[in-house]
Amino acid sequence: MKEDLKLSPEQHSFMAEAIELARKNLKSFNGGPFGAVVVKDGVIVGKGSNCVTSNNDPTAHAEVVAIRDACKNLNTFQLDGCEIYSSCEPCPMCLGAIYWARPSKLFFAAGREDAAKAGFDDSYIYNQIPLSVEQRDLPTSQFMTAEAKSVFDSWVELEQKIPY
């Protein structure tokens, strides 16, 4: 990934805000050194800092917190037309959440290698994801498949559903 992008001063300020949220987290001890903002039409609509340890929530990464905040503020479950600025390359969980939120663009500052040097190494998870269920280190079993599939069949037939 090249860093010679032609970005506006406004975009630089959004990234600076994400990095400042990460820096403030060092002082607040709410969680790790990560920050993120969600921007729509040139306005920050969601902010998040990592609060894994303060909330006792392993999913409370900065990007997820920012997505939740933006969705609440915009009263929507998708971030169409939004950009996400993250102080660090998103981990696999956050990247999945970002794809589900469907923003138009993602920007990040530090890379996953930088995070690994600071003790936040996601390479294990990245390496586990492409493996078949049987090959993963986490013992995983599938059962009651037919019963669960029947719920999906009901969803398909449901007329008043909201697809996403």
C-alpha atoms as a PDB file:
ATOM      1  CA  MET A   1       0.000   0.000   0.000  1.00  0.00           C
ATOM      2  CA  LYS A   2       1.417   3.361  -1.005  1.00  0.00           C
ATOM      3  CA  GLU A   3       1.143   6.433   1.156  1.00  0.00           C
ATOM      4  CA  ASP A   4       1.337   8.918  -1.718  1.00  0.00           C
ATOM      5  CA  LEU A   5      -2.424   9.364  -1.955  1.00  0.00           C
ATOM      6  CA  LYS A   6      -3.720  12.754  -3.007  1.00  0.00           C
ATOM      7  CA  LEU A   7      -5.874  13.528   0.026  1.00  0.00           C
ATOM      8  CA  SER A   8      -7.477  16.792   1.013  1.00  0.00           C
ATOM      9  CA  PRO A   9      -6.583  18.758   4.137  1.00  0.00           C
ATOM     10  CA  GLU A  10     -10.057  17.796   5.412  1.00  0.00           C
ATOM     11  CA  GLN A  11      -9.249  14.093   5.026  1.00  0.00           C
ATOM     12  CA  HIS A  12      -5.980  14.636   6.882  1.00  0.00           C
ATOM     13  CA  SER A  13      -7.916  16.276   9.708  1.00  0.00           C
ATOM     14  CA  PHE A  14     -10.257  13.280   9.951  1.00  0.00           C
ATOM     15  CA  MET A  15      -7.291  10.919  10.223  1.00  0.00           C
ATOM     16  CA  ALA A  16      -5.686  13.246  12.760  1.00  0.00           C
ATOM     17  CA  GLU A  17      -8.901  13.012  14.818  1.00  0.00           C
ATOM     18  CA  ALA A  18      -8.781   9.192  14.716  1.00  0.00           C
ATOM     19  CA  ILE A  19      -5.134   9.248  15.810  1.00  0.00           C
ATOM     20  CA  GLU A  20      -5.917  11.755  18.578  1.00  0.00           C
ATOM     21  CA  LEU A  21      -8.664   9.451  19.882  1.00  0.00           C
ATOM     22  CA  ALA A  22      -6.054   6.678  20.037  1.00  0.00           C
ATOM     23  CA  ARG A  23      -3.617   8.983  21.843  1.00  0.00           C
ATOM     24  CA  LYS A  24      -6.266  10.070  24.376  1.00  0.00           C
ATOM     25  CA  ASN A  25      -6.976   6.414  25.101  1.00  0.00           C
ATOM     26  CA  LEU A  26      -3.419   6.089  26.406  1.00  0.00           C
ATOM     27  CA  LYS A  27      -4.292   8.620  29.106  1.00  0.00           C
ATOM     28  CA  SER A  28      -7.810   7.409  29.916  1.00  0.00           C
ATOM     29  CA  PHE A  29      -6.839   3.712  30.198  1.00  0.00           C
ATOM     30  CA  ASN A  30     -10.173   2.759  28.567  1.00  0.00           C
ATOM     31  CA  GLY A  31      -8.498   0.288  26.243  1.00  0.00           C
ATOM     32  CA  GLY A  32      -5.839  -0.063  23.590  1.00  0.00           C
ATOM     33  CA  PRO A  33      -4.282   2.726  21.515  1.00  0.00           C
ATOM     34  CA  PHE A  34      -6.832   2.764  18.720  1.00  0.00           C
ATOM     35  CA  GLY A  35      -9.252   5.393  17.425  1.00  0.00           C
ATOM     36  CA  ALA A  36     -11.666   5.706  14.510  1.00  0.00           C
ATOM     37  CA  VAL A  37     -14.114   8.183  13.035  1.00  0.00           C
ATOM     38  CA  VAL A  38     -16.930   7.817  10.521  1.00  0.00           C
ATOM     39  CA  VAL A  39     -17.493  10.720   8.157  1.00  0.00           C
ATOM     40  CA  LYS A  40     -20.487  11.513   5.953  1.00  0.00           C
ATOM     41  CA  ASP A  41     -20.634  14.530   3.648  1.00  0.00           C
ATOM     42  CA  GLY A  42     -17.592  16.077   5.301  1.00  0.00           C
ATOM     43  CA  VAL A  43     -18.931  15.771   8.848  1.00  0.00           C
ATOM     44  CA  ILE A  44     -17.852  13.339  11.568  1.00  0.00           C
ATOM     45  CA  VAL A  45     -20.978  11.311  12.401  1.00  0.00           C
ATOM     46  CA  GLY A  46     -19.385   8.671  14.619  1.00  0.00           C
ATOM     47  CA  LYS A  47     -16.350   8.355  16.863  1.00  0.00           C
ATOM     48  CA  GLY A  48     -14.823   5.427  18.645  1.00  0.00           C
ATOM     49  CA  SER A  49     -11.905   4.534  20.853  1.00  0.00           C
ATOM     50  CA  ASN A  50     -10.965   1.061  21.909  1.00  0.00           C
ATOM     51  CA  CYS A  51     -12.745   0.257  25.184  1.00  0.00           C
ATOM     52  CA  VAL A  52     -12.220  -3.491  25.375  1.00  0.00           C
ATOM     53  CA  THR A  53     -10.867  -3.480  28.922  1.00  0.00           C
ATOM     54  CA  SER A  54     -13.057  -0.724  30.376  1.00  0.00           C
ATOM     55  CA  ASN A  55     -16.261  -2.283  28.996  1.00  0.00           C
ATOM     56  CA  ASN A  56     -15.161  -5.905  29.432  1.00  0.00           C
ATOM     57  CA  ASP A  57     -16.152  -6.346  25.795  1.00  0.00           C
ATOM     58  CA  PRO A  58     -13.709  -8.026  23.387  1.00  0.00           C
ATOM     59  CA  THR A  59     -15.683  -6.574  20.447  1.00  0.00           C
ATOM     60  CA  ALA A  60     -15.366  -2.943  21.608  1.00  0.00           C
ATOM     61  CA  HIS A  61     -12.615  -2.085  19.140  1.00  0.00           C
ATOM     62  CA  ALA A  62     -12.425   1.528  17.949  1.00  0.00           C
ATOM     63  CA  GLU A  63     -13.885   0.810  14.505  1.00  0.00           C
ATOM     64  CA  VAL A  64     -16.829  -1.161  15.899  1.00  0.00           C
ATOM     65  CA  VAL A  65     -17.530   1.545  18.494  1.00  0.00           C
ATOM     66  CA  ALA A  66     -17.375   4.224  15.772  1.00  0.00           C
ATOM     67  CA  ILE A  67     -19.691   2.222  13.483  1.00  0.00           C
ATOM     68  CA  ARG A  68     -22.195   1.765  16.312  1.00  0.00           C
ATOM     69  CA  ASP A  69     -22.049   5.479  17.125  1.00  0.00           C
ATOM     70  CA  ALA A  70     -22.493   6.523  13.485  1.00  0.00           C
ATOM     71  CA  CYS A  71     -25.381   4.119  12.903  1.00  0.00           C
ATOM     72  CA  LYS A  72     -27.105   5.401  16.030  1.00  0.00           C
ATOM     73  CA  ASN A  73     -26.554   9.032  15.034  1.00  0.00           C
ATOM     74  CA  LEU A  74     -27.687   8.453  11.439  1.00  0.00           C
ATOM     75  CA  ASN A  75     -30.532   6.126  12.460  1.00  0.00           C
ATOM     76  CA  THR A  76     -29.467   3.450   9.989  1.00  0.00           C
ATOM     77  CA  PHE A  77     -27.803   0.048   9.954  1.00  0.00           C
ATOM     78  CA  GLN A  78     -25.633   0.775   6.914  1.00  0.00           C
ATOM     79  CA  LEU A  79     -23.112   3.507   6.328  1.00  0.00           C
ATOM     80  CA  ASP A  80     -23.705   4.167   2.640  1.00  0.00           C
ATOM     81  CA  GLY A  81     -21.852   7.267   1.501  1.00  0.00           C
ATOM     82  CA  CYS A  82     -19.605   7.278   4.585  1.00  0.00           C
ATOM     83  CA  GLU A  83     -15.855   7.035   4.972  1.00  0.00           C
ATOM     84  CA  ILE A  84     -14.086   5.390   7.895  1.00  0.00           C
ATOM     85  CA  TYR A  85     -10.774   6.715   9.185  1.00  0.00           C
ATOM     86  CA  SER A  86      -8.912   4.388  11.539  1.00  0.00           C
ATOM     87  CA  SER A  87      -5.679   5.009  13.409  1.00  0.00           C
ATOM     88  CA  CYS A  88      -4.604   1.465  12.493  1.00  0.00           C
ATOM     89  CA  GLU A  89      -5.329  -1.174   9.878  1.00  0.00           C
ATOM     90  CA  PRO A  90      -8.495  -2.909  11.073  1.00  0.00           C
ATOM     91  CA  CYS A  91      -8.241  -6.377  12.591  1.00  0.00           C
ATOM     92  CA  PRO A  92     -10.205  -9.208  10.934  1.00  0.00           C
ATOM     93  CA  MET A  93     -13.259  -8.638  13.178  1.00  0.00           C
ATOM     94  CA  CYS A  94     -13.336  -4.905  12.482  1.00  0.00           C
ATOM     95  CA  LEU A  95     -12.749  -5.423   8.779  1.00  0.00           C
ATOM     96  CA  GLY A  96     -15.751  -7.762   8.735  1.00  0.00           C
ATOM     97  CA  ALA A  97     -17.852  -5.162  10.584  1.00  0.00           C
ATOM     98  CA  ILE A  98     -16.721  -2.485   8.136  1.00  0.00           C
ATOM     99  CA  TYR A  99     -17.743  -4.610   5.153  1.00  0.00           C
ATOM    100  CA  TRP A 100     -21.147  -5.272   6.775  1.00  0.00           C
ATOM    101  CA  ALA A 101     -21.605  -1.529   7.384  1.00  0.00           C
ATOM    102  CA  ARG A 102     -20.917  -0.868   3.695  1.00  0.00           C
ATOM    103  CA  PRO A 103     -19.080   2.474   3.802  1.00  0.00           C
ATOM    104  CA  SER A 104     -17.799   3.947   0.552  1.00  0.00           C
ATOM    105  CA  LYS A 105     -14.170   4.037   1.639  1.00  0.00           C
ATOM    106  CA  LEU A 106     -11.753   3.036   4.392  1.00  0.00           C
ATOM    107  CA  PHE A 107      -8.554   4.852   5.334  1.00  0.00           C
ATOM    108  CA  PHE A 108      -6.048   3.730   7.963  1.00  0.00           C
ATOM    109  CA  ALA A 109      -2.762   5.051   9.332  1.00  0.00           C
ATOM    110  CA  ALA A 110      -0.538   2.476  11.104  1.00  0.00           C
ATOM    111  CA  GLY A 111      -0.343  -0.998   9.570  1.00  0.00           C
ATOM    112  CA  ARG A 112      -0.949  -4.410  11.086  1.00  0.00           C
ATOM    113  CA  GLU A 113       2.821  -4.882  11.406  1.00  0.00           C
ATOM    114  CA  ASP A 114       3.017  -1.731  13.545  1.00  0.00           C
ATOM    115  CA  ALA A 115       0.226  -3.067  15.763  1.00  0.00           C
ATOM    116  CA  ALA A 116       2.004  -6.407  16.090  1.00  0.00           C
ATOM    117  CA  LYS A 117       5.189  -4.671  17.271  1.00  0.00           C
ATOM    118  CA  ALA A 118       3.092  -2.994  19.987  1.00  0.00           C
ATOM    119  CA  GLY A 119       1.680  -6.349  21.138  1.00  0.00           C
ATOM    120  CA  PHE A 120      -1.513  -6.414  19.056  1.00  0.00           C
ATOM    121  CA  ASP A 121      -0.719  -9.227  16.628  1.00  0.00           C
ATOM    122  CA  ASP A 122      -3.691 -10.354  14.530  1.00  0.00           C
ATOM    123  CA  SER A 123      -1.675 -12.675  12.288  1.00  0.00           C
ATOM    124  CA  TYR A 124      -2.908 -15.732  14.176  1.00  0.00           C
ATOM    125  CA  ILE A 125      -6.535 -14.841  13.365  1.00  0.00           C
ATOM    126  CA  TYR A 126      -5.718 -13.945   9.756  1.00  0.00           C
ATOM    127  CA  ASN A 127      -4.064 -17.365   9.423  1.00  0.00           C
ATOM    128  CA  GLN A 128      -6.995 -19.242  11.002  1.00  0.00           C
ATOM    129  CA  ILE A 129      -9.746 -17.704   8.842  1.00  0.00           C
ATOM    130  CA  PRO A 130      -8.924 -19.404   5.516  1.00  0.00           C
ATOM    131  CA  LEU A 131      -8.632 -22.848   7.137  1.00  0.00           C
ATOM    132  CA  SER A 132     -11.505 -25.287   6.989  1.00  0.00           C
ATOM    133  CA  VAL A 133     -13.500 -25.561  10.216  1.00  0.00           C
ATOM    134  CA  GLU A 134     -11.835 -28.903  10.960  1.00  0.00           C
ATOM    135  CA  GLN A 135      -8.328 -27.431  10.610  1.00  0.00           C
ATOM    136  CA  ARG A 136      -8.810 -24.464  12.942  1.00  0.00           C
ATOM    137  CA  ASP A 137      -7.325 -24.497  16.429  1.00  0.00           C
ATOM    138  CA  LEU A 138     -10.690 -23.666  18.034  1.00  0.00           C
ATOM    139  CA  PRO A 139     -12.623 -26.936  18.384  1.00  0.00           C
ATOM    140  CA  THR A 140     -15.858 -26.329  16.469  1.00  0.00           C
ATOM    141  CA  SER A 141     -18.856 -28.598  15.995  1.00  0.00           C
ATOM    142  CA  GLN A 142     -21.950 -28.217  13.838  1.00  0.00           C
ATOM    143  CA  PHE A 143     -25.284 -29.713  14.883  1.00  0.00           C
ATOM    144  CA  MET A 144     -29.073 -29.148  14.602  1.00  0.00           C
ATOM    145  CA  THR A 145     -28.464 -28.019  11.030  1.00  0.00           C
ATOM    146  CA  ALA A 146     -31.941 -28.888   9.722  1.00  0.00           C
ATOM    147  CA  GLU A 147     -33.645 -26.952  12.519  1.00  0.00           C
ATOM    148  CA  ALA A 148     -31.509 -23.888  11.880  1.00  0.00           C
ATOM    149  CA  LYS A 149     -32.009 -24.120   8.106  1.00  0.00           C
ATOM    150  CA  SER A 150     -35.778 -24.054   8.661  1.00  0.00           C
ATOM    151  CA  VAL A 151     -35.408 -20.588  10.194  1.00  0.00           C
ATOM    152  CA  PHE A 152     -33.680 -19.416   7.005  1.00  0.00           C
ATOM    153  CA  ASP A 153     -36.486 -20.971   4.950  1.00  0.00           C
ATOM    154  CA  SER A 154     -38.964 -18.940   6.992  1.00  0.00           C
ATOM    155  CA  TRP A 155     -36.899 -15.792   6.409  1.00  0.00           C
ATOM    156  CA  VAL A 156     -36.955 -16.361   2.643  1.00  0.00           C
ATOM    157  CA  GLU A 157     -40.759 -16.591   2.739  1.00  0.00           C
ATOM    158  CA  LEU A 158     -41.200 -13.568   5.008  1.00  0.00           C
ATOM    159  CA  GLU A 159     -42.708 -10.652   3.079  1.00  0.00           C
ATOM    160  CA  GLN A 160     -42.069  -7.813   5.538  1.00  0.00           C
ATOM    161  CA  LYS A 161     -38.328  -8.442   6.059  1.00  0.00           C
ATOM    162  CA  ILE A 162     -35.687  -5.753   5.748  1.00  0.00           C
ATOM    163  CA  PRO A 163     -32.886  -7.217   3.622  1.00  0.00           C
ATOM    164  CA  TYR A 164     -29.303  -6.327   4.377  1.00  0.00           C
END
